[in-house]
Structures are given as structure tokens and as C-alpha cells.
């Protein structure tokens, strides 16, 4: 559970690093790159321990799958609340199909 919490915090930071600057298109590109790198450093401070801790419980494929699902969830909330973009039905269907992949990764065959 600690790994999932750390991955969630990590993804919040990374989403801001990757997409937060889109609200500030008038700011020079070099400045948003610099700010994004600072945010990404903080993200790594959560991501690396999350993967280390999680590796005792999950395979790397499972960790990556968990991370991707968290990324989609965080991104959905971020795009609606921060960027004020709507979630179209086809986005949701596509995301659900990706989340469906979780079944195949975690199923004991």
C-alpha cells in the first residue's frame, strides 16, 4: 500500500511537470522546461522509493501497470480540474480499455 501511495504522489508531481505549463503558454519555453525539471526531481524522490518498496510485493510489470493506471486517474482529475478540459466519452472508453489490461497482468495463469 505504501508503494501505491508513493506512486500516486509521484504521478501528481509528474503530471504537473509535463502538463502544468500548458496554462502558461506565454512564458518562455526555457523557463517552463527549468520549472518542469525541478518538479520532476521531486517526482523522482517519490517514484524511486515507490518502485523499490513495491518490488518486494509486485513484479516490475505489475508495478508499471499500477503506475499507468494511477497516471490515467491522476491525468483525468488534472485535466478536468486544472486545465478545465472535459473528458469525452471516447477518452473514457479508451482509458477503460487500458485499465482492462490490468486483468491480464495480474491474473494468475
PDB file of N, CA and C in Angstrom:
ATOM      1  N   UNK A   1       0.820  -1.204   0.000  1.00  0.00           N
ATOM      2  CA  UNK A   1       0.000   0.000   0.000  1.00  0.00           C
ATOM      3  C   UNK A   1       0.863   1.267   0.000  1.00  0.00           C
ATOM      4  N   UNK A   2       2.027   1.205   0.682  1.00  0.00           N
ATOM      5  CA  UNK A   2       2.931   2.368   0.672  1.00  0.00           C
ATOM      6  C   UNK A   2       3.399   2.688  -0.733  1.00  0.00           C
ATOM      7  N   UNK A   3       3.686   1.642  -1.488  1.00  0.00           N
ATOM      8  CA  UNK A   3       4.160   1.849  -2.860  1.00  0.00           C
ATOM      9  C   UNK A   3       3.096   2.551  -3.693  1.00  0.00           C
ATOM     10  N   UNK A   4       1.854   2.152  -3.543  1.00  0.00           N
ATOM     11  CA  UNK A   4       0.770   2.760  -4.317  1.00  0.00           C
ATOM     12  C   UNK A   4       0.575   4.219  -3.911  1.00  0.00           C
ATOM     13  N   UNK A   5       0.665   4.504  -2.630  1.00  0.00           N
ATOM     14  CA  UNK A   5       0.549   5.893  -2.170  1.00  0.00           C
ATOM     15  C   UNK A   5       1.691   6.744  -2.726  1.00  0.00           C
ATOM     16  N   UNK A   6       2.914   6.215  -2.680  1.00  0.00           N
ATOM     17  CA  UNK A   6       4.059   6.945  -3.222  1.00  0.00           C
ATOM     18  C   UNK A   6       3.939   7.135  -4.730  1.00  0.00           C
ATOM     19  N   UNK A   7       3.445   6.112  -5.431  1.00  0.00           N
ATOM     20  CA  UNK A   7       3.249   6.240  -6.874  1.00  0.00           C
ATOM     21  C   UNK A   7       2.205   7.307  -7.196  1.00  0.00           C
ATOM     22  N   UNK A   8       1.196   7.406  -6.365  1.00  0.00           N
ATOM     23  CA  UNK A   8       0.158   8.417  -6.586  1.00  0.00           C
ATOM     24  C   UNK A   8       0.733   9.822  -6.415  1.00  0.00           C
ATOM     25  N   UNK A   9       1.472  10.035  -5.340  1.00  0.00           N
ATOM     26  CA  UNK A   9       2.103  11.345  -5.120  1.00  0.00           C
ATOM     27  C   UNK A   9       3.059  11.658  -6.271  1.00  0.00           C
ATOM     28  N   UNK A  10       3.840  10.676  -6.650  1.00  0.00           N
ATOM     29  CA  UNK A  10       4.781  10.831  -7.751  1.00  0.00           C
ATOM     30  C   UNK A  10       4.066  11.261  -9.032  1.00  0.00           C
ATOM     31  N   UNK A  11       2.953  10.636  -9.323  1.00  0.00           N
ATOM     32  CA  UNK A  11       2.210  10.952 -10.547  1.00  0.00           C
ATOM     33  C   UNK A  11       1.589  12.333 -10.529  1.00  0.00           C
ATOM     34  N   UNK A  12       1.193  12.802  -9.367  1.00  0.00           N
ATOM     35  CA  UNK A  12       0.671  14.168  -9.281  1.00  0.00           C
ATOM     36  C   UNK A  12       1.772  15.145  -9.684  1.00  0.00           C
ATOM     37  N   UNK A  13       2.978  14.953  -9.140  1.00  0.00           N
ATOM     38  CA  UNK A  13       4.092  15.837  -9.492  1.00  0.00           C
ATOM     39  C   UNK A  13       4.435  15.728 -10.974  1.00  0.00           C
ATOM     40  N   UNK A  14       4.487  14.512 -11.506  1.00  0.00           N
ATOM     41  CA  UNK A  14       4.867  14.353 -12.905  1.00  0.00           C
ATOM     42  C   UNK A  14       3.824  14.937 -13.843  1.00  0.00           C
ATOM     43  N   UNK A  15       2.562  14.819 -13.488  1.00  0.00           N
ATOM     44  CA  UNK A  15       1.519  15.407 -14.328  1.00  0.00           C
ATOM     45  C   UNK A  15       1.673  16.916 -14.385  1.00  0.00           C
ATOM     46  N   UNK A  16       1.972  17.532 -13.254  1.00  0.00           N
ATOM     47  CA  UNK A  16       2.222  18.980 -13.257  1.00  0.00           C
ATOM     48  C   UNK A  16       3.485  19.316 -14.042  1.00  0.00           C
ATOM     49  N   UNK A  17       4.518  18.492 -13.935  1.00  0.00           N
ATOM     50  CA  UNK A  17       5.753  18.748 -14.673  1.00  0.00           C
ATOM     51  C   UNK A  17       5.514  18.676 -16.181  1.00  0.00           C
ATOM     52  N   UNK A  18       4.724  17.709 -16.605  1.00  0.00           N
ATOM     53  CA  UNK A  18       4.516  17.504 -18.040  1.00  0.00           C
ATOM     54  C   UNK A  18       3.453  18.407 -18.640  1.00  0.00           C
ATOM     55  N   UNK A  19       2.391  18.688 -17.882  1.00  0.00           N
ATOM     56  CA  UNK A  19       1.244  19.383 -18.459  1.00  0.00           C
ATOM     57  C   UNK A  19       0.882  20.703 -17.788  1.00  0.00           C
ATOM     58  N   UNK A  20       1.415  20.979 -16.621  1.00  0.00           N
ATOM     59  CA  UNK A  20       1.043  22.189 -15.889  1.00  0.00           C
ATOM     60  C   UNK A  20       1.362  23.472 -16.630  1.00  0.00           C
ATOM     61  N   UNK A  21       2.431  23.465 -17.392  1.00  0.00           N
ATOM     62  CA  UNK A  21       2.852  24.670 -18.119  1.00  0.00           C
ATOM     63  C   UNK A  21       1.903  25.046 -19.254  1.00  0.00           C
ATOM     64  N   UNK A  22       0.996  24.154 -19.627  1.00  0.00           N
ATOM     65  CA  UNK A  22       0.090  24.451 -20.732  1.00  0.00           C
ATOM     66  C   UNK A  22      -0.852  25.611 -20.420  1.00  0.00           C
ATOM     67  N   UNK A  23      -1.012  25.930 -19.142  1.00  0.00           N
ATOM     68  CA  UNK A  23      -1.816  27.099 -18.766  1.00  0.00           C
ATOM     69  C   UNK A  23      -1.011  28.385 -18.893  1.00  0.00           C
ATOM     70  N   UNK A  24       0.291  28.269 -19.136  1.00  0.00           N
ATOM     71  CA  UNK A  24       1.180  29.430 -19.173  1.00  0.00           C
ATOM     72  C   UNK A  24       1.943  29.457 -20.500  1.00  0.00           C
ATOM     73  N   UNK A  25       1.223  29.472 -21.587  1.00  0.00           N
ATOM     74  CA  UNK A  25       1.841  29.413 -22.913  1.00  0.00           C
ATOM     75  C   UNK A  25       2.629  30.666 -23.255  1.00  0.00           C
ATOM     76  N   UNK A  26       2.407  31.742 -22.526  1.00  0.00           N
ATOM     77  CA  UNK A  26       3.134  32.985 -22.791  1.00  0.00           C
ATOM     78  C   UNK A  26       4.499  33.020 -22.102  1.00  0.00           C
ATOM     79  N   UNK A  27       4.782  32.077 -21.221  1.00  0.00           N
ATOM     80  CA  UNK A  27       6.071  32.004 -20.537  1.00  0.00           C
ATOM     81  C   UNK A  27       7.083  31.353 -21.478  1.00  0.00           C
ATOM     82  N   UNK A  28       8.303  31.860 -21.453  1.00  0.00           N
ATOM     83  CA  UNK A  28       9.357  31.338 -22.329  1.00  0.00           C
ATOM     84  C   UNK A  28       9.549  29.833 -22.118  1.00  0.00           C
ATOM     85  N   UNK A  29       9.769  29.127 -23.210  1.00  0.00           N
ATOM     86  CA  UNK A  29       9.911  27.680 -23.163  1.00  0.00           C
ATOM     87  C   UNK A  29      11.040  27.239 -22.230  1.00  0.00           C
ATOM     88  N   UNK A  30      12.170  27.938 -22.245  1.00  0.00           N
ATOM     89  CA  UNK A  30      13.285  27.540 -21.389  1.00  0.00           C
ATOM     90  C   UNK A  30      12.909  27.619 -19.915  1.00  0.00           C
ATOM     91  N   UNK A  31      12.039  28.569 -19.569  1.00  0.00           N
ATOM     92  CA  UNK A  31      11.611  28.699 -18.168  1.00  0.00           C
ATOM     93  C   UNK A  31      10.697  27.542 -17.756  1.00  0.00           C
ATOM     94  N   UNK A  32       9.755  27.177 -18.620  1.00  0.00           N
ATOM     95  CA  UNK A  32       8.863  26.079 -18.252  1.00  0.00           C
ATOM     96  C   UNK A  32       9.620  24.749 -18.229  1.00  0.00           C
ATOM     97  N   UNK A  33      10.646  24.627 -19.080  1.00  0.00           N
ATOM     98  CA  UNK A  33      11.485  23.421 -19.026  1.00  0.00           C
ATOM     99  C   UNK A  33      12.214  23.358 -17.692  1.00  0.00           C
ATOM    100  N   UNK A  34      12.780  24.465 -17.272  1.00  0.00           N
ATOM    101  CA  UNK A  34      13.504  24.511 -15.990  1.00  0.00           C
ATOM    102  C   UNK A  34      12.577  24.175 -14.823  1.00  0.00           C
ATOM    103  N   UNK A  35      11.410  24.788 -14.796  1.00  0.00           N
ATOM    104  CA  UNK A  35      10.447  24.512 -13.718  1.00  0.00           C
ATOM    105  C   UNK A  35      10.005  23.052 -13.773  1.00  0.00           C
ATOM    106  N   UNK A  36       9.772  22.543 -14.963  1.00  0.00           N
ATOM    107  CA  UNK A  36       9.369  21.140 -15.102  1.00  0.00           C
ATOM    108  C   UNK A  36      10.446  20.197 -14.577  1.00  0.00           C
ATOM    109  N   UNK A  37      11.688  20.504 -14.814  1.00  0.00           N
ATOM    110  CA  UNK A  37      12.782  19.659 -14.312  1.00  0.00           C
ATOM    111  C   UNK A  37      12.845  19.679 -12.788  1.00  0.00           C
ATOM    112  N   UNK A  38      12.593  20.819 -12.192  1.00  0.00           N
ATOM    113  CA  UNK A  38      12.577  20.901 -10.728  1.00  0.00           C
ATOM    114  C   UNK A  38      11.435  20.050 -10.173  1.00  0.00           C
ATOM    115  N   UNK A  39      10.267  20.161 -10.790  1.00  0.00           N
ATOM    116  CA  UNK A  39       9.117  19.365 -10.356  1.00  0.00           C
ATOM    117  C   UNK A  39       9.405  17.877 -10.564  1.00  0.00           C
ATOM    118  N   UNK A  40      10.025  17.540 -11.695  1.00  0.00           N
ATOM    119  CA  UNK A  40      10.344  16.137 -11.989  1.00  0.00           C
ATOM    120  C   UNK A  40      11.336  15.567 -10.974  1.00  0.00           C
ATOM    121  N   UNK A  41      12.257  16.396 -10.484  1.00  0.00           N
ATOM    122  CA  UNK A  41      13.178  15.921  -9.446  1.00  0.00           C
ATOM    123  C   UNK A  41      12.405  15.493  -8.200  1.00  0.00           C
ATOM    124  N   UNK A  42      11.434  16.310  -7.795  1.00  0.00           N
ATOM    125  CA  UNK A  42      10.607  15.966  -6.637  1.00  0.00           C
ATOM    126  C   UNK A  42       9.842  14.678  -6.926  1.00  0.00           C
ATOM    127  N   UNK A  43       9.346  14.549  -8.146  1.00  0.00           N
ATOM    128  CA  UNK A  43       8.628  13.345  -8.543  1.00  0.00           C
ATOM    129  C   UNK A  43       9.510  12.112  -8.381  1.00  0.00           C
ATOM    130  N   UNK A  44      10.763  12.214  -8.806  1.00  0.00           N
ATOM    131  CA  UNK A  44      11.684  11.082  -8.681  1.00  0.00           C
ATOM    132  C   UNK A  44      11.930  10.703  -7.225  1.00  0.00           C
ATOM    133  N   UNK A  45      11.860  11.667  -6.343  1.00  0.00           N
ATOM    134  CA  UNK A  45      12.054  11.388  -4.912  1.00  0.00           C
ATOM    135  C   UNK A  45      10.935  10.519  -4.347  1.00  0.00           C
ATOM    136  N   UNK A  46       9.817  10.456  -5.033  1.00  0.00           N
ATOM    137  CA  UNK A  46       8.720   9.560  -4.654  1.00  0.00           C
ATOM    138  C   UNK A  46       8.699   8.302  -5.515  1.00  0.00           C
ATOM    139  N   UNK A  47       8.993   8.447  -6.804  1.00  0.00           N
ATOM    140  CA  UNK A  47       8.915   7.328  -7.739  1.00  0.00           C
ATOM    141  C   UNK A  47       9.934   6.233  -7.437  1.00  0.00           C
ATOM    142  N   UNK A  48      11.170   6.624  -7.206  1.00  0.00           N
ATOM    143  CA  UNK A  48      12.219   5.629  -6.970  1.00  0.00           C
ATOM    144  C   UNK A  48      11.949   4.815  -5.701  1.00  0.00           C
ATOM    145  N   UNK A  49      11.637   5.452  -4.580  1.00  0.00           N
ATOM    146  CA  UNK A  49      11.291   4.643  -3.397  1.00  0.00           C
ATOM    147  C   UNK A  49      10.035   3.794  -3.611  1.00  0.00           C
ATOM    148  N   UNK A  50       9.066   4.317  -4.347  1.00  0.00           N
ATOM    149  CA  UNK A  50       7.842   3.539  -4.611  1.00  0.00           C
ATOM    150  C   UNK A  50       8.180   2.252  -5.349  1.00  0.00           C
ATOM    151  N   UNK A  51       9.030   2.354  -6.352  1.00  0.00           N
ATOM    152  CA  UNK A  51       9.414   1.160  -7.103  1.00  0.00           C
ATOM    153  C   UNK A  51      10.258   0.216  -6.259  1.00  0.00           C
ATOM    154  N   UNK A  52      11.132   0.759  -5.442  1.00  0.00           N
ATOM    155  CA  UNK A  52      11.962  -0.096  -4.579  1.00  0.00           C
ATOM    156  C   UNK A  52      11.087  -0.839  -3.582  1.00  0.00           C
ATOM    157  N   UNK A  53      10.206  -0.114  -2.904  1.00  0.00           N
ATOM    158  CA  UNK A  53       9.313  -0.728  -1.914  1.00  0.00           C
ATOM    159  C   UNK A  53       8.356  -1.702  -2.601  1.00  0.00           C
ATOM    160  N   UNK A  54       7.794  -1.283  -3.721  1.00  0.00           N
ATOM    161  CA  UNK A  54       6.827  -2.111  -4.426  1.00  0.00           C
ATOM    162  C   UNK A  54       7.416  -3.378  -5.010  1.00  0.00           C
ATOM    163  N   UNK A  55       8.720  -3.372  -5.283  1.00  0.00           N
ATOM    164  CA  UNK A  55       9.351  -4.548  -5.895  1.00  0.00           C
ATOM    165  C   UNK A  55       9.380  -5.758  -4.970  1.00  0.00           C
ATOM    166  N   UNK A  56       9.153  -5.537  -3.686  1.00  0.00           N
ATOM    167  CA  UNK A  56       9.086  -6.651  -2.744  1.00  0.00           C
ATOM    168  C   UNK A  56       7.734  -7.365  -2.799  1.00  0.00           C
ATOM    169  N   UNK A  57       6.738  -6.681  -3.357  1.00  0.00           N
ATOM    170  CA  UNK A  57       5.381  -7.229  -3.400  1.00  0.00           C
ATOM    171  C   UNK A  57       4.907  -7.528  -4.821  1.00  0.00           C
ATOM    172  N   UNK A  58       5.386  -6.740  -5.790  1.00  0.00           N
ATOM    173  CA  UNK A  58       4.910  -6.850  -7.167  1.00  0.00           C
ATOM    174  C   UNK A  58       6.073  -7.108  -8.114  1.00  0.00           C
ATOM    175  N   UNK A  59       5.759  -7.704  -9.269  1.00  0.00           N
ATOM    176  CA  UNK A  59       6.760  -7.809 -10.333  1.00  0.00           C
ATOM    177  C   UNK A  59       6.908  -6.428 -10.973  1.00  0.00           C
ATOM    178  N   UNK A  60       7.953  -6.243 -11.762  1.00  0.00           N
ATOM    179  CA  UNK A  60       8.126  -4.945 -12.412  1.00  0.00           C
ATOM    180  C   UNK A  60       6.989  -4.662 -13.400  1.00  0.00           C
ATOM    181  N   UNK A  61       6.499  -5.693 -14.080  1.00  0.00           N
ATOM    182  CA  UNK A  61       5.365  -5.493 -14.986  1.00  0.00           C
ATOM    183  C   UNK A  61       4.121  -5.058 -14.215  1.00  0.00           C
ATOM    184  N   UNK A  62       3.914  -5.636 -13.046  1.00  0.00           N
ATOM    185  CA  UNK A  62       2.775  -5.234 -12.225  1.00  0.00           C
ATOM    186  C   UNK A  62       2.955  -3.808 -11.712  1.00  0.00           C
ATOM    187  N   UNK A  63       4.157  -3.460 -11.290  1.00  0.00           N
ATOM    188  CA  UNK A  63       4.417  -2.086 -10.823  1.00  0.00           C
ATOM    189  C   UNK A  63       4.145  -1.075 -11.934  1.00  0.00           C
ATOM    190  N   UNK A  64       4.614  -1.380 -13.132  1.00  0.00           N
ATOM    191  CA  UNK A  64       4.406  -0.468 -14.254  1.00  0.00           C
ATOM    192  C   UNK A  64       2.925  -0.346 -14.577  1.00  0.00           C
ATOM    193  N   UNK A  65       2.200  -1.429 -14.492  1.00  0.00           N
ATOM    194  CA  UNK A  65       0.765  -1.402 -14.755  1.00  0.00           C
ATOM    195  C   UNK A  65       0.048  -0.555 -13.709  1.00  0.00           C
ATOM    196  N   UNK A  66       0.396  -0.739 -12.452  1.00  0.00           N
ATOM    197  CA  UNK A  66      -0.184   0.076 -11.378  1.00  0.00           C
ATOM    198  C   UNK A  66       0.099   1.551 -11.646  1.00  0.00           C
ATOM    199  N   UNK A  67       1.333   1.850 -12.001  1.00  0.00           N
ATOM    200  CA  UNK A  67       1.737   3.232 -12.263  1.00  0.00           C
ATOM    201  C   UNK A  67       0.931   3.826 -13.416  1.00  0.00           C
ATOM    202  N   UNK A  68       0.704   3.064 -14.466  1.00  0.00           N
ATOM    203  CA  UNK A  68      -0.043   3.571 -15.620  1.00  0.00           C
ATOM    204  C   UNK A  68      -1.510   3.832 -15.271  1.00  0.00           C
ATOM    205  N   UNK A  69      -2.101   2.965 -14.490  1.00  0.00           N
ATOM    206  CA  UNK A  69      -3.490   3.175 -14.066  1.00  0.00           C
ATOM    207  C   UNK A  69      -3.584   4.430 -13.203  1.00  0.00           C
ATOM    208  N   UNK A  70      -2.647   4.574 -12.272  1.00  0.00           N
ATOM    209  CA  UNK A  70      -2.619   5.783 -11.431  1.00  0.00           C
ATOM    210  C   UNK A  70      -2.441   7.014 -12.311  1.00  0.00           C
ATOM    211  N   UNK A  71      -1.558   6.933 -13.303  1.00  0.00           N
ATOM    212  CA  UNK A  71      -1.323   8.052 -14.215  1.00  0.00           C
ATOM    213  C   UNK A  71      -2.609   8.463 -14.922  1.00  0.00           C
ATOM    214  N   UNK A  72      -3.365   7.488 -15.404  1.00  0.00           N
ATOM    215  CA  UNK A  72      -4.616   7.801 -16.083  1.00  0.00           C
ATOM    216  C   UNK A  72      -5.612   8.475 -15.148  1.00  0.00           C
ATOM    217  N   UNK A  73      -5.718   7.954 -13.939  1.00  0.00           N
ATOM    218  CA  UNK A  73      -6.653   8.539 -12.975  1.00  0.00           C
ATOM    219  C   UNK A  73      -6.247   9.960 -12.600  1.00  0.00           C
ATOM    220  N   UNK A  74      -4.960  10.151 -12.311  1.00  0.00           N
ATOM    221  CA  UNK A  74      -4.462  11.479 -11.949  1.00  0.00           C
ATOM    222  C   UNK A  74      -4.653  12.437 -13.123  1.00  0.00           C
ATOM    223  N   UNK A  75      -4.338  11.960 -14.327  1.00  0.00           N
ATOM    224  CA  UNK A  75      -4.479  12.814 -15.505  1.00  0.00           C
ATOM    225  C   UNK A  75      -5.926  13.240 -15.724  1.00  0.00           C
ATOM    226  N   UNK A  76      -6.868  12.333 -15.545  1.00  0.00           N
ATOM    227  CA  UNK A  76      -8.284  12.678 -15.705  1.00  0.00           C
ATOM    228  C   UNK A  76      -8.697  13.784 -14.751  1.00  0.00           C
ATOM    229  N   UNK A  77      -8.341  13.642 -13.499  1.00  0.00           N
ATOM    230  CA  UNK A  77      -8.668  14.661 -12.496  1.00  0.00           C
ATOM    231  C   UNK A  77      -7.965  15.971 -12.844  1.00  0.00           C
ATOM    232  N   UNK A  78      -6.690  15.904 -13.197  1.00  0.00           N
ATOM    233  CA  UNK A  78      -5.899  17.082 -13.541  1.00  0.00           C
ATOM    234  C   UNK A  78      -6.488  17.820 -14.738  1.00  0.00           C
ATOM    235  N   UNK A  79      -6.824  17.093 -15.779  1.00  0.00           N
ATOM    236  CA  UNK A  79      -7.306  17.755 -16.998  1.00  0.00           C
ATOM    237  C   UNK A  79      -8.657  18.431 -16.769  1.00  0.00           C
ATOM    238  N   UNK A  80      -9.482  17.847 -15.928  1.00  0.00           N
ATOM    239  CA  UNK A  80     -10.793  18.444 -15.654  1.00  0.00           C
ATOM    240  C   UNK A  80     -10.661  19.623 -14.682  1.00  0.00           C
ATOM    241  N   UNK A  81      -9.947  19.433 -13.573  1.00  0.00           N
ATOM    242  CA  UNK A  81      -9.897  20.468 -12.539  1.00  0.00           C
ATOM    243  C   UNK A  81      -8.889  21.572 -12.830  1.00  0.00           C
ATOM    244  N   UNK A  82      -7.730  21.229 -13.374  1.00  0.00           N
ATOM    245  CA  UNK A  82      -6.682  22.234 -13.571  1.00  0.00           C
ATOM    246  C   UNK A  82      -6.717  22.840 -14.976  1.00  0.00           C
ATOM    247  N   UNK A  83      -6.795  22.000 -15.986  1.00  0.00           N
ATOM    248  CA  UNK A  83      -6.798  22.505 -17.353  1.00  0.00           C
ATOM    249  C   UNK A  83      -8.187  22.873 -17.846  1.00  0.00           C
ATOM    250  N   UNK A  84      -9.211  22.499 -17.076  1.00  0.00           N
ATOM    251  CA  UNK A  84     -10.612  22.801 -17.417  1.00  0.00           C
ATOM    252  C   UNK A  84     -11.009  22.187 -18.766  1.00  0.00           C
ATOM    253  N   UNK A  85     -10.500  21.002 -19.038  1.00  0.00           N
ATOM    254  CA  UNK A  85     -10.867  20.269 -20.248  1.00  0.00           C
ATOM    255  C   UNK A  85     -11.851  19.179 -19.873  1.00  0.00           C
ATOM    256  N   UNK A  86     -12.813  18.962 -20.722  1.00  0.00           N
ATOM    257  CA  UNK A  86     -13.792  17.916 -20.461  1.00  0.00           C
ATOM    258  C   UNK A  86     -13.256  16.542 -20.847  1.00  0.00           C
ATOM    259  N   UNK A  87     -13.806  15.527 -20.214  1.00  0.00           N
ATOM    260  CA  UNK A  87     -13.490  14.157 -20.594  1.00  0.00           C
ATOM    261  C   UNK A  87     -14.556  13.682 -21.567  1.00  0.00           C
ATOM    262  N   UNK A  88     -14.170  13.460 -22.794  1.00  0.00           N
ATOM    263  CA  UNK A  88     -15.108  12.984 -23.800  1.00  0.00           C
ATOM    264  C   UNK A  88     -15.331  11.494 -23.616  1.00  0.00           C
ATOM    265  N   UNK A  89     -16.455  11.004 -24.098  1.00  0.00           N
ATOM    266  CA  UNK A  89     -16.806   9.594 -23.911  1.00  0.00           C
ATOM    267  C   UNK A  89     -15.750   8.681 -24.522  1.00  0.00           C
ATOM    268  N   UNK A  90     -15.193   9.056 -25.658  1.00  0.00           N
ATOM    269  CA  UNK A  90     -14.207   8.182 -26.291  1.00  0.00           C
ATOM    270  C   UNK A  90     -12.896   8.127 -25.507  1.00  0.00           C
ATOM    271  N   UNK A  91     -12.558   9.205 -24.797  1.00  0.00           N
ATOM    272  CA  UNK A  91     -11.378   9.174 -23.924  1.00  0.00           C
ATOM    273  C   UNK A  91     -11.600   8.160 -22.802  1.00  0.00           C
ATOM    274  N   UNK A  92     -12.786   8.235 -22.210  1.00  0.00           N
ATOM    275  CA  UNK A  92     -13.104   7.346 -21.092  1.00  0.00           C
ATOM    276  C   UNK A  92     -13.104   5.890 -21.546  1.00  0.00           C
ATOM    277  N   UNK A  93     -13.692   5.612 -22.701  1.00  0.00           N
ATOM    278  CA  UNK A  93     -13.695   4.239 -23.218  1.00  0.00           C
ATOM    279  C   UNK A  93     -12.263   3.766 -23.463  1.00  0.00           C
ATOM    280  N   UNK A  94     -11.443   4.601 -24.067  1.00  0.00           N
ATOM    281  CA  UNK A  94     -10.048   4.242 -24.303  1.00  0.00           C
ATOM    282  C   UNK A  94      -9.303   3.972 -23.011  1.00  0.00           C
ATOM    283  N   UNK A  95      -9.495   4.819 -22.009  1.00  0.00           N
ATOM    284  CA  UNK A  95      -8.857   4.621 -20.707  1.00  0.00           C
ATOM    285  C   UNK A  95      -9.338   3.326 -20.060  1.00  0.00           C
ATOM    286  N   UNK A  96     -10.632   3.055 -20.163  1.00  0.00           N
ATOM    287  CA  UNK A  96     -11.164   1.820 -19.583  1.00  0.00           C
ATOM    288  C   UNK A  96     -10.569   0.585 -20.258  1.00  0.00           C
ATOM    289  N   UNK A  97     -10.365   0.656 -21.557  1.00  0.00           N
ATOM    290  CA  UNK A  97      -9.730  -0.467 -22.255  1.00  0.00           C
ATOM    291  C   UNK A  97      -8.301  -0.680 -21.765  1.00  0.00           C
ATOM    292  N   UNK A  98      -7.593   0.423 -21.517  1.00  0.00           N
ATOM    293  CA  UNK A  98      -6.238   0.303 -20.974  1.00  0.00           C
ATOM    294  C   UNK A  98      -6.267  -0.301 -19.568  1.00  0.00           C
ATOM    295  N   UNK A  99      -7.215   0.131 -18.781  1.00  0.00           N
ATOM    296  CA  UNK A  99      -7.338  -0.407 -17.423  1.00  0.00           C
ATOM    297  C   UNK A  99      -7.714  -1.883 -17.486  1.00  0.00           C
ATOM    298  N   UNK A 100      -8.464  -2.278 -18.522  1.00  0.00           N
ATOM    299  CA  UNK A 100      -8.780  -3.690 -18.699  1.00  0.00           C
ATOM    300  C   UNK A 100      -7.539  -4.548 -18.837  1.00  0.00           C
ATOM    301  N   UNK A 101      -6.448  -3.974 -19.308  1.00  0.00           N
ATOM    302  CA  UNK A 101      -5.182  -4.711 -19.423  1.00  0.00           C
ATOM    303  C   UNK A 101      -4.680  -5.169 -18.052  1.00  0.00           C
ATOM    304  N   UNK A 102      -5.102  -4.479 -17.005  1.00  0.00           N
ATOM    305  CA  UNK A 102      -4.708  -4.856 -15.644  1.00  0.00           C
ATOM    306  C   UNK A 102      -5.092  -6.307 -15.358  1.00  0.00           C
ATOM    307  N   UNK A 103      -6.249  -6.707 -15.846  1.00  0.00           N
ATOM    308  CA  UNK A 103      -6.703  -8.086 -15.640  1.00  0.00           C
ATOM    309  C   UNK A 103      -5.652  -9.072 -16.124  1.00  0.00           C
ATOM    310  N   UNK A 104      -5.138  -8.853 -17.324  1.00  0.00           N
ATOM    311  CA  UNK A 104      -4.201  -9.784 -17.903  1.00  0.00           C
ATOM    312  C   UNK A 104      -2.840  -9.768 -17.199  1.00  0.00           C
ATOM    313  N   UNK A 105      -2.447  -8.620 -16.693  1.00  0.00           N
ATOM    314  CA  UNK A 105      -1.162  -8.506 -15.985  1.00  0.00           C
ATOM    315  C   UNK A 105      -1.222  -9.177 -14.632  1.00  0.00           C
ATOM    316  N   UNK A 106      -2.346  -9.021 -13.917  1.00  0.00           N
ATOM    317  CA  UNK A 106      -2.433  -9.533 -12.548  1.00  0.00           C
ATOM    318  C   UNK A 106      -3.066 -10.925 -12.441  1.00  0.00           C
ATOM    319  N   UNK A 107      -3.655 -11.421 -13.503  1.00  0.00           N
ATOM    320  CA  UNK A 107      -4.271 -12.746 -13.485  1.00  0.00           C
ATOM    321  C   UNK A 107      -3.193 -13.814 -13.325  1.00  0.00           C
ATOM    322  N   UNK A 108      -3.418 -14.717 -12.403  1.00  0.00           N
ATOM    323  CA  UNK A 108      -2.502 -15.844 -12.206  1.00  0.00           C
ATOM    324  C   UNK A 108      -2.840 -16.918 -13.232  1.00  0.00           C
ATOM    325  N   UNK A 109      -2.001 -17.086 -14.223  1.00  0.00           N
ATOM    326  CA  UNK A 109      -2.262 -18.048 -15.303  1.00  0.00           C
ATOM    327  C   UNK A 109      -1.616 -19.368 -15.001  1.00  0.00           C
TER     328      UNK A 109
END
